[in-house]
């Protein structure tokens, strides 16, 4: 049977206070409780730690040696608890974050300098994947997922939403003309995703409702690849606002069919396993990202 922390604390307190009665008062326990803790400890160690006389308690040679180890153990525990408290006040450690390449590049990377200034003791590890990953297998603390969630084993924290828009470069529109109605897109080069197929349903109103299934002229697995193709004037694309804010502001990409575009927004969630104990570094990152995205 292993020694318990409570027994070590009782032993140290009895020695420091000089009596079982004084120790019981300091620890807010009964005298009999402290006495039983000492007896159990001596029984487990199969040795006498204290000689009990009518006047006082005296350490045996074995008791003095064990007291030295006891103090070291309890001091180490106190130090560990203080460090944990300090980490809650100033989060520290490695934080592994996974996101699709476009979201990482356009939404997270620009915020990293500010996050590093606020939390200099957190060491970020940023990984990108364009398809969902197994968080446990990849030892990932947080994954950012865009769109509806399907994995029920994950806990999600909503971070916001981003609107979808149909866009093209001025050079493409000058060369091929600007579509005036949804049906005109059949005469244009359309840039779509290889998967999932849902990303090729554009938020355009018509007789078909608020979605229009495109037949892509050119396909890619990454939204960033499609963005670069659109910027190069290859075709028309439908992308989320987080990727194209700067492009729209500069005029490098312009919205087409704005009046026909439904207000469809992609949810953005930070996910982690339900059995994950949220550490201060995870919480600080989620709070920071949520505030900036709001």
Protein backbone atom coordinates (compact mmCIF):
# COMPACT_ATOMS: atom_id res chain seq x y z
CA UNK A 1 0.00 0.00 0.00
CA UNK A 2 1.43 3.35 -1.07
CA UNK A 3 1.94 6.35 1.17
CA UNK A 4 -0.56 9.18 0.64
CA UNK A 5 0.04 12.92 0.46
CA UNK A 6 -2.31 13.39 3.41
CA UNK A 7 -0.13 11.13 5.57
CA UNK A 8 3.02 13.00 4.56
CA UNK A 9 1.39 16.34 5.36
CA UNK A 10 0.26 15.05 8.76
CA UNK A 11 3.78 13.79 9.56
CA UNK A 12 5.46 17.05 8.53
CA UNK A 13 2.93 19.20 10.41
CA UNK A 14 3.27 17.17 13.63
CA UNK A 15 7.04 17.63 13.53
CA UNK A 16 6.80 21.35 12.70
CA UNK A 17 4.19 22.13 15.37
CA UNK A 18 5.62 19.79 18.00
CA UNK A 19 2.45 17.90 18.82
CA UNK A 20 -0.47 15.99 17.35
CA UNK A 21 -2.92 18.41 18.96
CA UNK A 22 -1.24 21.46 17.40
CA UNK A 23 -1.07 19.71 14.03
CA UNK A 24 -4.77 18.87 14.17
CA UNK A 25 -5.61 22.52 14.82
CA UNK A 26 -3.43 23.75 11.97
CA UNK A 27 -4.85 21.20 9.51
CA UNK A 28 -8.42 21.56 10.79
CA UNK A 29 -8.65 17.83 11.53
CA UNK A 30 -9.37 15.79 14.60
CA UNK A 31 -6.59 14.64 16.94
CA UNK A 32 -7.62 11.05 16.34
CA UNK A 33 -7.47 11.58 12.58
CA UNK A 34 -3.90 12.87 12.72
CA UNK A 35 -2.89 10.04 15.07
CA UNK A 36 -4.36 7.43 12.73
CA UNK A 37 -2.55 9.00 9.75
CA UNK A 38 0.79 8.70 11.58
CA UNK A 39 0.07 5.11 12.57
CA UNK A 40 -0.82 4.16 8.99
CA UNK A 41 2.35 5.80 7.73
CA UNK A 42 4.57 3.95 10.18
CA UNK A 43 2.78 0.70 9.40
CA UNK A 44 3.28 1.15 5.66
CA UNK A 45 6.96 1.97 6.14
CA UNK A 46 7.35 -0.77 8.75
CA UNK A 47 9.35 1.57 10.95
CA UNK A 48 8.95 3.99 13.84
CA UNK A 49 9.18 7.64 12.82
CA UNK A 50 8.32 9.34 16.12
CA UNK A 51 8.87 8.36 19.73
CA UNK A 52 5.88 9.42 21.75
CA UNK A 53 6.53 10.46 25.35
CA UNK A 54 4.25 12.12 27.87
CA UNK A 55 5.89 15.47 27.21
CA UNK A 56 6.81 15.57 23.54
CA UNK A 57 7.42 13.76 20.26
CA UNK A 58 10.96 12.95 19.13
CA UNK A 59 12.10 11.93 15.67
CA UNK A 60 13.86 8.61 15.38
CA UNK A 61 16.91 8.36 13.13
CA UNK A 62 14.69 6.81 10.45
CA UNK A 63 12.11 9.53 11.05
CA UNK A 64 14.67 12.28 10.51
CA UNK A 65 15.80 10.72 7.23
CA UNK A 66 12.21 10.26 6.06
CA UNK A 67 11.30 13.82 7.08
CA UNK A 68 13.98 15.15 4.72
CA UNK A 69 12.44 13.22 1.81
CA UNK A 70 8.93 14.22 2.89
CA UNK A 71 9.80 17.91 2.81
CA UNK A 72 11.34 17.53 -0.66
CA UNK A 73 8.23 15.76 -1.98
CA UNK A 74 5.77 18.26 -0.53
CA UNK A 75 7.89 21.22 -1.64
CA UNK A 76 7.91 19.81 -5.19
CA UNK A 77 4.12 19.51 -5.13
CA UNK A 78 3.80 23.09 -3.88
CA UNK A 79 6.12 24.29 -6.66
CA UNK A 80 4.13 22.38 -9.30
CA UNK A 81 0.85 23.90 -8.07
CA UNK A 82 2.38 27.38 -8.11
CA UNK A 83 3.61 26.84 -11.66
CA UNK A 84 0.15 25.71 -12.76
CA UNK A 85 -1.38 28.78 -11.17
CA UNK A 86 1.18 30.96 -12.94
CA UNK A 87 0.42 29.26 -16.26
CA UNK A 88 -3.27 30.05 -15.79
CA UNK A 89 -2.34 33.69 -15.31
CA UNK A 90 0.28 33.65 -18.09
CA UNK A 91 -0.49 30.67 -20.38
CA UNK A 92 2.55 28.76 -21.61
CA UNK A 93 3.48 25.66 -23.57
CA UNK A 94 3.06 24.30 -27.08
CA UNK A 95 -0.26 24.82 -28.88
CA UNK A 96 -0.94 22.81 -32.05
CA UNK A 97 -3.48 24.40 -34.39
CA UNK A 98 -4.73 22.89 -37.65
CA UNK A 99 -6.73 24.66 -40.37
CA UNK A 100 -7.34 24.57 -44.10
CA UNK A 101 -4.58 26.37 -45.98
CA UNK A 102 -6.67 29.39 -47.03
CA UNK A 103 -8.00 30.03 -43.53
CA UNK A 104 -4.53 29.65 -42.07
CA UNK A 105 -3.03 32.09 -44.58
CA UNK A 106 -5.75 34.73 -44.61
CA UNK A 107 -7.36 34.55 -41.16
CA UNK A 108 -4.83 33.16 -38.67
CA UNK A 109 -1.37 34.16 -39.92
CA UNK A 110 -2.15 37.92 -39.92
CA UNK A 111 -3.16 37.62 -36.23
CA UNK A 112 -0.07 35.69 -35.10
CA UNK A 113 2.13 38.75 -34.34
CA UNK A 114 -0.50 40.21 -32.01
CA UNK A 115 -1.14 36.86 -30.33
CA UNK A 116 2.60 36.38 -29.77
CA UNK A 117 2.83 39.81 -28.14
CA UNK A 118 -0.05 38.96 -25.80
CA UNK A 119 1.09 35.40 -25.01
CA UNK A 120 4.87 35.22 -25.53
CA UNK A 121 5.18 31.95 -23.58
CA UNK A 122 2.86 30.01 -25.91
CA UNK A 123 4.74 28.21 -28.66
CA UNK A 124 2.49 27.92 -31.73
CA UNK A 125 2.65 24.99 -34.13
CA UNK A 126 0.54 25.70 -37.24
CA UNK A 127 -0.43 22.86 -39.59
CA UNK A 128 -2.53 23.03 -42.75
CA UNK A 129 -4.76 20.46 -44.40
CA UNK A 130 -7.52 21.02 -46.92
CA UNK A 131 -9.51 18.01 -45.64
CA UNK A 132 -10.54 17.15 -42.04
CA UNK A 133 -7.93 15.31 -39.99
CA UNK A 134 -7.90 12.98 -36.98
CA UNK A 135 -7.00 15.27 -34.09
CA UNK A 136 -5.66 12.50 -31.87
CA UNK A 137 -3.57 10.91 -34.58
CA UNK A 138 -2.02 14.26 -35.50
CA UNK A 139 -1.68 15.34 -31.84
CA UNK A 140 -3.65 18.50 -32.61
CA UNK A 141 -5.07 20.67 -29.82
CA UNK A 142 -7.46 22.73 -31.97
CA UNK A 143 -8.70 22.39 -35.54
CA UNK A 144 -10.55 25.14 -37.37
CA UNK A 145 -13.36 23.74 -39.50
CA UNK A 146 -15.41 25.70 -42.03
CA UNK A 147 -18.90 24.54 -42.91
CA UNK A 148 -21.34 22.14 -41.18
CA UNK A 149 -19.81 19.77 -38.62
CA UNK A 150 -20.44 16.05 -38.90
CA UNK A 151 -18.15 14.48 -36.27
CA UNK A 152 -20.15 14.02 -33.05
CA UNK A 153 -17.01 13.12 -31.06
CA UNK A 154 -15.84 16.73 -31.32
CA UNK A 155 -16.73 19.69 -29.16
CA UNK A 156 -17.15 22.88 -31.16
CA UNK A 157 -16.83 26.54 -30.29
CA UNK A 158 -18.39 28.84 -32.90
CA UNK A 159 -16.01 31.58 -34.03
CA UNK A 160 -18.24 33.35 -36.54
CA UNK A 161 -19.48 33.12 -40.09
CA UNK A 162 -18.20 34.25 -43.49
CA UNK A 163 -20.32 35.09 -46.50
CA UNK A 164 -19.88 33.42 -49.87
CA UNK A 165 -19.57 35.61 -52.98
CA UNK A 166 -19.18 34.98 -56.70
CA UNK A 167 -16.09 36.82 -57.94
CA UNK A 168 -13.90 37.43 -60.96
CA UNK A 169 -10.94 39.61 -61.87
CA UNK A 170 -11.47 42.79 -63.92
CA UNK A 171 -9.18 41.32 -66.59
CA UNK A 172 -11.39 38.24 -66.97
CA UNK A 173 -14.58 40.31 -67.16
CA UNK A 174 -13.03 42.66 -69.71
CA UNK A 175 -12.02 39.72 -71.89
CA UNK A 176 -15.20 37.63 -71.51
CA UNK A 177 -17.93 40.05 -70.49
CA UNK A 178 -19.81 40.37 -67.23
CA UNK A 179 -22.65 37.88 -66.65
CA UNK A 180 -25.98 39.71 -66.30
CA UNK A 181 -28.03 36.78 -65.06
CA UNK A 182 -27.32 33.38 -63.53
CA UNK A 183 -27.96 31.54 -66.80
CA UNK A 184 -25.11 33.53 -68.42
CA UNK A 185 -22.59 31.57 -66.30
CA UNK A 186 -23.03 28.63 -68.67
CA UNK A 187 -20.97 30.64 -71.18
CA UNK A 188 -18.11 31.30 -68.73
CA UNK A 189 -15.13 29.44 -67.28
CA UNK A 190 -16.13 28.38 -63.76
CA UNK A 191 -13.58 27.47 -61.10
CA UNK A 192 -14.75 24.74 -58.69
CA UNK A 193 -13.62 22.31 -56.01
CA UNK A 194 -12.71 18.67 -56.48
CA UNK A 195 -14.35 17.96 -53.12
CA UNK A 196 -16.56 18.31 -51.23
CA UNK A 197 -19.24 18.58 -53.87
CA UNK A 198 -21.24 20.97 -51.66
CA UNK A 199 -18.69 23.72 -52.41
CA UNK A 200 -19.78 23.64 -56.05
CA UNK A 201 -23.30 24.74 -55.10
CA UNK A 202 -23.15 28.51 -55.43
CA UNK A 203 -25.57 30.80 -53.51
CA UNK A 204 -27.36 32.14 -56.57
CA UNK A 205 -31.12 32.70 -56.71
CA UNK A 206 -33.22 31.40 -59.58
CA UNK A 207 -35.90 28.92 -60.50
CA UNK A 208 -33.75 26.33 -58.76
CA UNK A 209 -33.99 28.15 -55.42
CA UNK A 210 -31.08 29.78 -53.61
CA UNK A 211 -28.45 27.32 -54.86
CA UNK A 212 -27.02 26.73 -58.29
CA UNK A 213 -24.99 23.61 -59.04
CA UNK A 214 -22.12 24.56 -61.29
CA UNK A 215 -20.30 22.37 -63.79
CA UNK A 216 -16.68 23.46 -63.18
CA UNK A 217 -14.44 24.17 -66.14
CA UNK A 218 -11.39 23.82 -63.91
CA UNK A 219 -11.21 22.15 -60.49
CA UNK A 220 -8.80 22.28 -57.55
CA UNK A 221 -8.74 20.86 -54.02
CA UNK A 222 -7.63 24.12 -52.40
CA UNK A 223 -9.53 27.36 -52.17
CA UNK A 224 -6.24 29.25 -52.28
CA UNK A 225 -5.43 27.63 -55.62
CA UNK A 226 -8.81 28.73 -56.97
CA UNK A 227 -8.25 32.25 -55.63
CA UNK A 228 -4.91 32.51 -57.43
CA UNK A 229 -6.51 31.24 -60.64
CA UNK A 230 -9.27 33.85 -60.34
CA UNK A 231 -6.70 36.60 -59.73
CA UNK A 232 -4.87 35.43 -62.85
CA UNK A 233 -8.04 35.90 -64.90
CA UNK A 234 -8.69 32.21 -65.55
CA UNK A 235 -12.37 32.22 -64.57
CA UNK A 236 -15.17 32.98 -62.13
CA UNK A 237 -15.03 31.61 -58.60
CA UNK A 238 -17.16 31.42 -55.46
CA UNK A 239 -15.15 31.94 -52.27
CA UNK A 240 -15.61 32.90 -48.64
CA UNK A 241 -15.07 36.49 -47.53
CA UNK A 242 -12.15 35.64 -45.22
CA UNK A 243 -10.08 34.77 -48.29
CA UNK A 244 -10.98 37.69 -50.50
CA UNK A 245 -11.40 40.75 -48.29
CA UNK A 246 -8.13 42.35 -49.38
CA UNK A 247 -8.71 41.40 -53.03
CA UNK A 248 -12.14 43.03 -53.05
CA UNK A 249 -10.83 46.11 -51.26
CA UNK A 250 -8.05 46.57 -53.82
CA UNK A 251 -10.26 45.77 -56.81
CA UNK A 252 -8.22 42.70 -57.76
CA UNK A 253 -11.47 40.71 -57.55
CA UNK A 254 -14.97 42.11 -58.04
CA UNK A 255 -18.32 40.60 -57.18
CA UNK A 256 -20.56 39.47 -60.01
CA UNK A 257 -24.30 38.77 -59.88
CA UNK A 258 -24.53 40.60 -56.56
CA UNK A 259 -28.31 41.08 -56.75
CA UNK A 260 -28.82 37.39 -57.51
CA UNK A 261 -26.54 36.25 -54.67
CA UNK A 262 -28.27 34.88 -51.57
CA UNK A 263 -26.82 35.78 -48.16
CA UNK A 264 -25.28 32.37 -47.45
CA UNK A 265 -22.68 32.20 -44.72
CA UNK A 266 -20.25 29.44 -43.84
CA UNK A 267 -19.96 28.70 -40.10
CA UNK A 268 -16.44 28.68 -38.68
CA UNK A 269 -15.84 26.45 -35.65
CA UNK A 270 -12.87 25.61 -33.48
CA UNK A 271 -13.11 21.92 -32.61
CA UNK A 272 -11.42 19.64 -30.08
CA UNK A 273 -12.24 16.26 -28.58
CA UNK A 274 -15.00 16.25 -25.98
CA UNK A 275 -12.74 14.58 -23.40
CA UNK A 276 -10.06 17.25 -23.80
CA UNK A 277 -9.39 19.25 -20.63
CA UNK A 278 -9.15 22.82 -21.84
CA UNK A 279 -5.81 24.30 -20.82
CA UNK A 280 -5.15 27.99 -20.37
CA UNK A 281 -3.27 28.13 -23.68
CA UNK A 282 -6.22 26.60 -25.59
CA UNK A 283 -8.71 28.91 -23.92
CA UNK A 284 -6.58 32.00 -24.53
CA UNK A 285 -6.25 31.17 -28.25
CA UNK A 286 -9.98 30.50 -28.66
CA UNK A 287 -10.91 33.73 -26.83
CA UNK A 288 -8.42 35.72 -28.90
CA UNK A 289 -9.57 34.28 -32.24
CA UNK A 290 -13.24 34.69 -31.37
CA UNK A 291 -12.79 38.35 -30.43
CA UNK A 292 -10.83 39.18 -33.57
CA UNK A 293 -13.24 37.35 -35.89
CA UNK A 294 -16.26 38.99 -34.29
